[in-house]
Every structure is written in structure tokens, then in C-alpha cells.
Amino acid sequence: MDENIRSTQKKVLSKKTYKDIVKASRSQADQKVLRTLITNFLPDIDQIFDQHNIELSQISLNWFLTLFASGIHMKILRLWDLLLFDGSIVLFQVTLGILKIKETKLKASKNQVQILNVLSNISRDILDVDKFLEIL
């Protein structure tokens, strides 16, 4: 019996499991911070997400995990430089900037599928990363 308990403790407290828990909680915290920022700075977009039952993590989790490499192909290294220099605040600034640029298209979207399509290809509207960063 004691051996089973020790084995379970080792599994629960293993570094990999601990790292997974920390990553998951960090990701959840990032999503809550982002939601608060959107509510405060982009209330129209927040309302659109609420009306269409858009889960924020559907949009932002992939952007955060890939550091926007999956969406902004042009000069992505410039964004990464800022991220390394300024830290994770850049993730939130870039996300808010993307949502602001897409606001008109989001308002014109009629359903969840259209909203997700608008946000799935962010590189169409961000052709010059340097100009985009000036907005931030």
C-alpha cells in the first residue's frame, strides 16, 4: 500500500507534471488578463465575442503559444525582439492591435464561423509589421 502511495506521489510531483500544471495555470491567467484588457479597451469587440459565444482561447491561445508565428509571417522576428526586450506585455499589446485592426470586419460578421475566419488570417491586414508596431 505504501509503495502505491509513493508511486502516485512521484507521478503527481514529477517535474513534467508540475510544469504542465504551471503552464496550464499561466495560460489561464493570460486569458483572464487578455479578457479584462479587451473588456476595458475594446468593449465593442468584447460585446461581439459575448453575443456569438466566442471563447477567447479559441483565438489567442494559438497566437500566444506560437508567439504569433502562425499568423504574422512578415517580419515576425521584429515582434520576437520586442517580446524578448519588453516581456509578455507584448503578447497583449499585439493581440489588442490585431483586434483593433479587425474591428470593422468583426462588426460585419454575422456568426461565430465568420468571426473565427476573420481572425484566422491576420497576416492579410498586417503587411508591414513596423507600421503595425507604431500603432501599439
N, C-alpha and C. Protein backbone atom coordinates (compact mmCIF):
# COMPACT_ATOMS: atom_id res chain seq x y z
N MET A 1 0.82 -1.19 0.00
CA MET A 1 0.00 0.00 0.00
C MET A 1 0.87 1.26 0.00
N ASP A 2 1.88 1.32 0.88
CA ASP A 2 2.77 2.47 0.94
C ASP A 2 3.49 2.68 -0.38
N GLU A 3 3.83 1.60 -1.05
CA GLU A 3 4.53 1.70 -2.33
C GLU A 3 3.63 2.35 -3.38
N ASN A 4 2.35 2.02 -3.36
CA ASN A 4 1.40 2.63 -4.30
C ASN A 4 1.27 4.13 -4.04
N ILE A 5 1.23 4.51 -2.79
CA ILE A 5 1.14 5.92 -2.44
C ILE A 5 2.38 6.66 -2.89
N ARG A 6 3.55 6.09 -2.64
CA ARG A 6 4.80 6.72 -3.07
C ARG A 6 4.87 6.84 -4.59
N SER A 7 4.45 5.80 -5.26
CA SER A 7 4.45 5.83 -6.72
C SER A 7 3.54 6.92 -7.25
N THR A 8 2.38 7.06 -6.66
CA THR A 8 1.43 8.10 -7.06
C THR A 8 1.99 9.48 -6.77
N GLN A 9 2.61 9.64 -5.60
CA GLN A 9 3.20 10.93 -5.25
C GLN A 9 4.29 11.31 -6.24
N LYS A 10 5.11 10.35 -6.61
CA LYS A 10 6.18 10.64 -7.57
C LYS A 10 5.60 11.10 -8.91
N LYS A 11 4.51 10.44 -9.33
CA LYS A 11 3.88 10.82 -10.59
C LYS A 11 3.29 12.23 -10.50
N VAL A 12 2.62 12.51 -9.41
CA VAL A 12 1.98 13.81 -9.24
C VAL A 12 3.01 14.91 -9.11
N LEU A 13 4.08 14.64 -8.42
CA LEU A 13 5.08 15.66 -8.17
C LEU A 13 6.24 15.66 -9.15
N SER A 14 6.14 14.84 -10.17
CA SER A 14 7.22 14.81 -11.15
C SER A 14 7.36 16.17 -11.81
N LYS A 15 8.54 16.47 -12.28
CA LYS A 15 8.79 17.78 -12.89
C LYS A 15 7.89 18.01 -14.09
N LYS A 16 7.69 16.99 -14.89
CA LYS A 16 6.87 17.14 -16.09
C LYS A 16 5.44 17.51 -15.70
N THR A 17 4.89 16.81 -14.75
CA THR A 17 3.52 17.10 -14.32
C THR A 17 3.44 18.49 -13.73
N TYR A 18 4.40 18.86 -12.91
CA TYR A 18 4.41 20.19 -12.31
C TYR A 18 4.49 21.26 -13.40
N LYS A 19 5.36 21.05 -14.37
CA LYS A 19 5.48 22.02 -15.46
C LYS A 19 4.18 22.14 -16.24
N ASP A 20 3.50 21.01 -16.47
CA ASP A 20 2.23 21.05 -17.17
C ASP A 20 1.19 21.86 -16.40
N ILE A 21 1.17 21.69 -15.08
CA ILE A 21 0.22 22.43 -14.25
C ILE A 21 0.54 23.92 -14.30
N VAL A 22 1.81 24.26 -14.20
CA VAL A 22 2.22 25.67 -14.23
C VAL A 22 1.88 26.28 -15.59
N LYS A 23 2.17 25.56 -16.66
CA LYS A 23 1.86 26.07 -18.00
C LYS A 23 0.36 26.29 -18.15
N ALA A 24 -0.43 25.34 -17.69
CA ALA A 24 -1.89 25.46 -17.81
C ALA A 24 -2.39 26.65 -17.02
N SER A 25 -1.89 26.81 -15.81
CA SER A 25 -2.37 27.92 -14.99
C SER A 25 -1.89 29.26 -15.56
N ARG A 26 -0.71 29.30 -16.11
CA ARG A 26 -0.19 30.53 -16.74
C ARG A 26 -1.04 30.89 -17.95
N SER A 27 -1.38 29.89 -18.73
CA SER A 27 -2.21 30.11 -19.90
C SER A 27 -3.58 30.65 -19.50
N GLN A 28 -4.16 30.08 -18.46
CA GLN A 28 -5.46 30.54 -17.98
C GLN A 28 -5.36 31.98 -17.46
N ALA A 29 -4.29 32.27 -16.76
CA ALA A 29 -4.09 33.63 -16.25
C ALA A 29 -3.95 34.62 -17.41
N ASP A 30 -3.19 34.25 -18.43
CA ASP A 30 -3.03 35.11 -19.60
C ASP A 30 -4.38 35.39 -20.26
N GLN A 31 -5.22 34.36 -20.36
CA GLN A 31 -6.53 34.53 -20.98
C GLN A 31 -7.42 35.47 -20.16
N LYS A 32 -7.33 35.38 -18.83
CA LYS A 32 -8.13 36.27 -17.97
C LYS A 32 -7.65 37.72 -18.10
N VAL A 33 -6.35 37.91 -18.14
CA VAL A 33 -5.80 39.26 -18.32
C VAL A 33 -6.24 39.81 -19.67
N LEU A 34 -6.12 39.01 -20.70
CA LEU A 34 -6.50 39.47 -22.04
C LEU A 34 -7.98 39.82 -22.08
N ARG A 35 -8.80 39.00 -21.47
CA ARG A 35 -10.25 39.28 -21.45
C ARG A 35 -10.54 40.62 -20.76
N THR A 36 -9.85 40.87 -19.68
CA THR A 36 -10.03 42.14 -18.97
C THR A 36 -9.60 43.32 -19.83
N LEU A 37 -8.48 43.17 -20.52
CA LEU A 37 -8.00 44.23 -21.40
C LEU A 37 -8.99 44.50 -22.54
N ILE A 38 -9.51 43.44 -23.12
CA ILE A 38 -10.49 43.61 -24.21
C ILE A 38 -11.75 44.29 -23.69
N THR A 39 -12.20 43.87 -22.53
CA THR A 39 -13.39 44.48 -21.93
C THR A 39 -13.18 45.97 -21.70
N ASN A 40 -12.01 46.34 -21.23
CA ASN A 40 -11.73 47.74 -20.90
C ASN A 40 -11.39 48.61 -22.11
N PHE A 41 -10.64 48.07 -23.07
CA PHE A 41 -10.14 48.88 -24.17
C PHE A 41 -10.87 48.67 -25.49
N LEU A 42 -11.51 47.52 -25.66
CA LEU A 42 -12.24 47.23 -26.90
C LEU A 42 -13.62 46.68 -26.56
N PRO A 43 -14.46 47.50 -25.92
CA PRO A 43 -15.76 47.00 -25.46
C PRO A 43 -16.68 46.50 -26.58
N ASP A 44 -16.58 47.09 -27.77
CA ASP A 44 -17.42 46.63 -28.89
C ASP A 44 -17.04 45.21 -29.30
N ILE A 45 -15.76 44.93 -29.33
CA ILE A 45 -15.30 43.58 -29.66
C ILE A 45 -15.68 42.60 -28.56
N ASP A 46 -15.56 43.04 -27.32
CA ASP A 46 -15.97 42.20 -26.19
C ASP A 46 -17.45 41.82 -26.33
N GLN A 47 -18.26 42.78 -26.71
CA GLN A 47 -19.69 42.53 -26.90
C GLN A 47 -19.93 41.54 -28.05
N ILE A 48 -19.19 41.67 -29.12
CA ILE A 48 -19.30 40.74 -30.25
C ILE A 48 -18.97 39.32 -29.79
N PHE A 49 -17.88 39.18 -29.04
CA PHE A 49 -17.49 37.86 -28.54
C PHE A 49 -18.58 37.27 -27.64
N ASP A 50 -19.15 38.10 -26.80
CA ASP A 50 -20.23 37.63 -25.91
C ASP A 50 -21.47 37.22 -26.70
N GLN A 51 -21.87 38.02 -27.66
CA GLN A 51 -23.06 37.74 -28.46
C GLN A 51 -22.96 36.42 -29.22
N HIS A 52 -21.76 36.12 -29.67
CA HIS A 52 -21.57 34.93 -30.50
C HIS A 52 -20.90 33.78 -29.75
N ASN A 53 -20.84 33.91 -28.44
CA ASN A 53 -20.26 32.85 -27.59
C ASN A 53 -18.86 32.44 -28.04
N ILE A 54 -18.04 33.43 -28.33
CA ILE A 54 -16.66 33.17 -28.74
C ILE A 54 -15.81 32.99 -27.49
N GLU A 55 -15.18 31.86 -27.38
CA GLU A 55 -14.24 31.60 -26.29
C GLU A 55 -12.91 32.21 -26.70
N LEU A 56 -12.43 33.12 -25.91
CA LEU A 56 -11.22 33.87 -26.25
C LEU A 56 -10.03 32.96 -26.54
N SER A 57 -9.91 31.89 -25.82
CA SER A 57 -8.77 30.99 -26.02
C SER A 57 -8.78 30.35 -27.41
N GLN A 58 -9.95 30.26 -28.05
CA GLN A 58 -10.02 29.74 -29.42
C GLN A 58 -9.17 30.60 -30.35
N ILE A 59 -9.08 31.85 -30.03
CA ILE A 59 -8.39 32.81 -30.88
C ILE A 59 -6.95 33.01 -30.43
N SER A 60 -6.79 33.34 -29.17
CA SER A 60 -5.50 33.84 -28.70
C SER A 60 -4.52 32.76 -28.27
N LEU A 61 -4.99 31.61 -27.87
CA LEU A 61 -4.08 30.59 -27.36
C LEU A 61 -3.03 30.20 -28.39
N ASN A 62 -3.45 29.99 -29.61
CA ASN A 62 -2.51 29.63 -30.67
C ASN A 62 -1.54 30.78 -30.94
N TRP A 63 -2.03 32.00 -30.93
CA TRP A 63 -1.15 33.15 -31.13
C TRP A 63 -0.10 33.21 -30.04
N PHE A 64 -0.52 33.02 -28.80
CA PHE A 64 0.42 33.09 -27.68
C PHE A 64 1.43 31.95 -27.71
N LEU A 65 0.95 30.74 -27.97
CA LEU A 65 1.84 29.58 -27.96
C LEU A 65 2.89 29.63 -29.06
N THR A 66 2.52 30.20 -30.20
CA THR A 66 3.47 30.29 -31.31
C THR A 66 4.12 31.65 -31.41
N LEU A 67 3.83 32.51 -30.44
CA LEU A 67 4.35 33.89 -30.45
C LEU A 67 4.05 34.59 -31.77
N PHE A 68 2.84 34.36 -32.27
CA PHE A 68 2.29 34.96 -33.48
C PHE A 68 2.91 34.46 -34.77
N ALA A 69 3.78 33.48 -34.71
CA ALA A 69 4.39 32.95 -35.93
C ALA A 69 3.34 32.29 -36.83
N SER A 70 2.26 31.79 -36.24
CA SER A 70 1.23 31.15 -37.05
C SER A 70 0.35 32.15 -37.80
N GLY A 71 0.43 33.42 -37.42
CA GLY A 71 -0.46 34.39 -38.05
C GLY A 71 0.24 35.52 -38.76
N ILE A 72 1.30 36.02 -38.19
CA ILE A 72 2.01 37.16 -38.78
C ILE A 72 3.33 36.65 -39.34
N HIS A 73 3.36 36.47 -40.64
CA HIS A 73 4.55 35.87 -41.26
C HIS A 73 5.60 36.91 -41.63
N MET A 74 5.15 38.12 -41.90
CA MET A 74 6.05 39.16 -42.35
C MET A 74 6.82 39.74 -41.16
N LYS A 75 8.12 39.67 -41.20
CA LYS A 75 8.98 40.27 -40.17
C LYS A 75 8.62 39.85 -38.75
N ILE A 76 8.31 38.59 -38.55
CA ILE A 76 7.94 38.10 -37.22
C ILE A 76 9.08 38.30 -36.23
N LEU A 77 10.31 38.29 -36.71
CA LEU A 77 11.45 38.46 -35.81
C LEU A 77 11.42 39.80 -35.10
N ARG A 78 10.86 40.81 -35.73
CA ARG A 78 10.73 42.13 -35.10
C ARG A 78 9.83 42.03 -33.86
N LEU A 79 8.74 41.29 -33.98
CA LEU A 79 7.86 41.08 -32.82
C LEU A 79 8.58 40.30 -31.73
N TRP A 80 9.33 39.30 -32.14
CA TRP A 80 10.05 38.49 -31.14
C TRP A 80 11.10 39.32 -30.42
N ASP A 81 11.76 40.23 -31.14
CA ASP A 81 12.71 41.13 -30.49
C ASP A 81 12.02 41.92 -29.37
N LEU A 82 10.87 42.46 -29.69
CA LEU A 82 10.12 43.22 -28.69
C LEU A 82 9.69 42.34 -27.53
N LEU A 83 9.28 41.14 -27.83
CA LEU A 83 8.86 40.22 -26.79
C LEU A 83 10.01 39.90 -25.84
N LEU A 84 11.19 39.68 -26.39
CA LEU A 84 12.35 39.39 -25.55
C LEU A 84 12.79 40.62 -24.75
N PHE A 85 12.62 41.78 -25.34
CA PHE A 85 13.04 43.01 -24.68
C PHE A 85 12.03 43.48 -23.62
N ASP A 86 10.74 43.49 -23.99
CA ASP A 86 9.71 44.04 -23.12
C ASP A 86 8.94 42.99 -22.32
N GLY A 87 9.04 41.74 -22.70
CA GLY A 87 8.35 40.69 -21.96
C GLY A 87 6.95 40.41 -22.50
N SER A 88 6.19 39.69 -21.69
CA SER A 88 4.90 39.17 -22.13
C SER A 88 3.85 40.25 -22.40
N ILE A 89 4.09 41.46 -21.96
CA ILE A 89 3.14 42.54 -22.24
C ILE A 89 2.95 42.71 -23.75
N VAL A 90 3.96 42.38 -24.51
CA VAL A 90 3.89 42.49 -25.97
C VAL A 90 2.80 41.56 -26.52
N LEU A 91 2.63 40.39 -25.93
CA LEU A 91 1.58 39.47 -26.38
C LEU A 91 0.22 40.16 -26.32
N PHE A 92 -0.03 40.86 -25.23
CA PHE A 92 -1.31 41.53 -25.05
C PHE A 92 -1.44 42.73 -25.98
N GLN A 93 -0.37 43.51 -26.12
CA GLN A 93 -0.40 44.68 -27.00
C GLN A 93 -0.67 44.27 -28.45
N VAL A 94 0.02 43.24 -28.91
CA VAL A 94 -0.15 42.78 -30.29
C VAL A 94 -1.57 42.24 -30.49
N THR A 95 -2.06 41.48 -29.54
CA THR A 95 -3.41 40.93 -29.66
C THR A 95 -4.45 42.05 -29.72
N LEU A 96 -4.33 43.04 -28.85
CA LEU A 96 -5.25 44.17 -28.89
C LEU A 96 -5.14 44.92 -30.22
N GLY A 97 -3.92 45.08 -30.72
CA GLY A 97 -3.71 45.73 -32.01
C GLY A 97 -4.37 44.97 -33.15
N ILE A 98 -4.22 43.67 -33.15
CA ILE A 98 -4.85 42.83 -34.17
C ILE A 98 -6.36 42.99 -34.12
N LEU A 99 -6.92 42.89 -32.92
CA LEU A 99 -8.37 43.00 -32.77
C LEU A 99 -8.86 44.38 -33.22
N LYS A 100 -8.11 45.42 -32.92
CA LYS A 100 -8.48 46.78 -33.33
C LYS A 100 -8.49 46.89 -34.85
N ILE A 101 -7.47 46.36 -35.49
CA ILE A 101 -7.39 46.39 -36.95
C ILE A 101 -8.56 45.62 -37.58
N LYS A 102 -8.95 44.54 -36.95
CA LYS A 102 -10.02 43.68 -37.47
C LYS A 102 -11.42 44.12 -37.02
N GLU A 103 -11.51 45.18 -36.25
CA GLU A 103 -12.79 45.57 -35.63
C GLU A 103 -13.92 45.74 -36.65
N THR A 104 -13.67 46.43 -37.75
CA THR A 104 -14.70 46.66 -38.76
C THR A 104 -15.22 45.34 -39.33
N LYS A 105 -14.30 44.44 -39.65
CA LYS A 105 -14.70 43.13 -40.19
C LYS A 105 -15.42 42.30 -39.14
N LEU A 106 -15.00 42.41 -37.89
CA LEU A 106 -15.67 41.67 -36.82
C LEU A 106 -17.11 42.17 -36.64
N LYS A 107 -17.30 43.48 -36.71
CA LYS A 107 -18.64 44.04 -36.57
C LYS A 107 -19.55 43.62 -37.71
N ALA A 108 -18.97 43.41 -38.89
CA ALA A 108 -19.77 42.99 -40.05
C ALA A 108 -20.06 41.49 -40.05
N SER A 109 -19.38 40.74 -39.22
CA SER A 109 -19.57 39.28 -39.17
C SER A 109 -20.93 38.94 -38.59
N LYS A 110 -21.57 37.95 -39.19
CA LYS A 110 -22.93 37.58 -38.79
C LYS A 110 -22.99 36.41 -37.80
N ASN A 111 -21.92 35.62 -37.76
CA ASN A 111 -21.95 34.45 -36.89
C ASN A 111 -20.54 34.07 -36.42
N GLN A 112 -20.49 33.06 -35.58
CA GLN A 112 -19.22 32.63 -34.98
C GLN A 112 -18.21 32.18 -36.04
N VAL A 113 -18.68 31.48 -37.05
CA VAL A 113 -17.78 30.98 -38.09
C VAL A 113 -17.11 32.15 -38.83
N GLN A 114 -17.90 33.16 -39.17
CA GLN A 114 -17.34 34.32 -39.85
C GLN A 114 -16.32 35.05 -38.98
N ILE A 115 -16.61 35.15 -37.69
CA ILE A 115 -15.69 35.81 -36.76
C ILE A 115 -14.37 35.05 -36.70
N LEU A 116 -14.46 33.75 -36.56
CA LEU A 116 -13.25 32.94 -36.48
C LEU A 116 -12.46 32.99 -37.80
N ASN A 117 -13.16 33.06 -38.92
CA ASN A 117 -12.48 33.20 -40.22
C ASN A 117 -11.75 34.54 -40.33
N VAL A 118 -12.39 35.61 -39.84
CA VAL A 118 -11.75 36.93 -39.87
C VAL A 118 -10.45 36.88 -39.06
N LEU A 119 -10.48 36.21 -37.93
CA LEU A 119 -9.31 36.19 -37.05
C LEU A 119 -8.31 35.10 -37.38
N SER A 120 -8.67 34.20 -38.28
CA SER A 120 -7.74 33.11 -38.59
C SER A 120 -6.64 33.54 -39.54
N ASN A 121 -6.88 34.59 -40.30
CA ASN A 121 -5.85 35.05 -41.23
C ASN A 121 -5.52 36.51 -40.96
N ILE A 122 -4.71 36.70 -39.96
CA ILE A 122 -4.38 38.07 -39.56
C ILE A 122 -3.32 38.70 -40.45
N SER A 123 -2.57 37.87 -41.18
CA SER A 123 -1.49 38.43 -41.99
C SER A 123 -2.00 39.23 -43.18
N ARG A 124 -3.26 39.04 -43.58
CA ARG A 124 -3.81 39.83 -44.70
C ARG A 124 -3.84 41.32 -44.39
N ASP A 125 -4.14 41.64 -43.14
CA ASP A 125 -4.29 43.04 -42.76
C ASP A 125 -3.04 43.63 -42.13
N ILE A 126 -2.05 42.81 -41.86
CA ILE A 126 -0.81 43.31 -41.27
C ILE A 126 0.32 43.00 -42.25
N LEU A 127 0.50 43.91 -43.17
CA LEU A 127 1.51 43.70 -44.20
C LEU A 127 2.86 44.29 -43.80
N ASP A 128 2.83 45.32 -42.99
CA ASP A 128 4.05 45.97 -42.56
C ASP A 128 4.09 45.96 -41.03
N VAL A 129 4.89 45.09 -40.48
CA VAL A 129 4.96 44.93 -39.02
C VAL A 129 5.45 46.21 -38.36
N ASP A 130 6.38 46.91 -38.98
CA ASP A 130 6.89 48.15 -38.40
C ASP A 130 5.78 49.20 -38.24
N LYS A 131 4.94 49.36 -39.26
CA LYS A 131 3.81 50.29 -39.15
C LYS A 131 2.82 49.79 -38.09
N PHE A 132 2.61 48.50 -38.06
CA PHE A 132 1.70 47.92 -37.07
C PHE A 132 2.21 48.22 -35.66
N LEU A 133 3.50 48.08 -35.45
CA LEU A 133 4.08 48.33 -34.13
C LEU A 133 4.00 49.79 -33.73
N GLU A 134 4.01 50.69 -34.71
CA GLU A 134 3.84 52.11 -34.39
C GLU A 134 2.48 52.38 -33.79
N ILE A 135 1.48 51.62 -34.21
CA ILE A 135 0.12 51.77 -33.68
C ILE A 135 0.09 51.42 -32.20
N LEU A 136 0.87 50.41 -31.83
CA LEU A 136 0.87 49.95 -30.46
C LEU A 136 1.49 51.00 -29.58
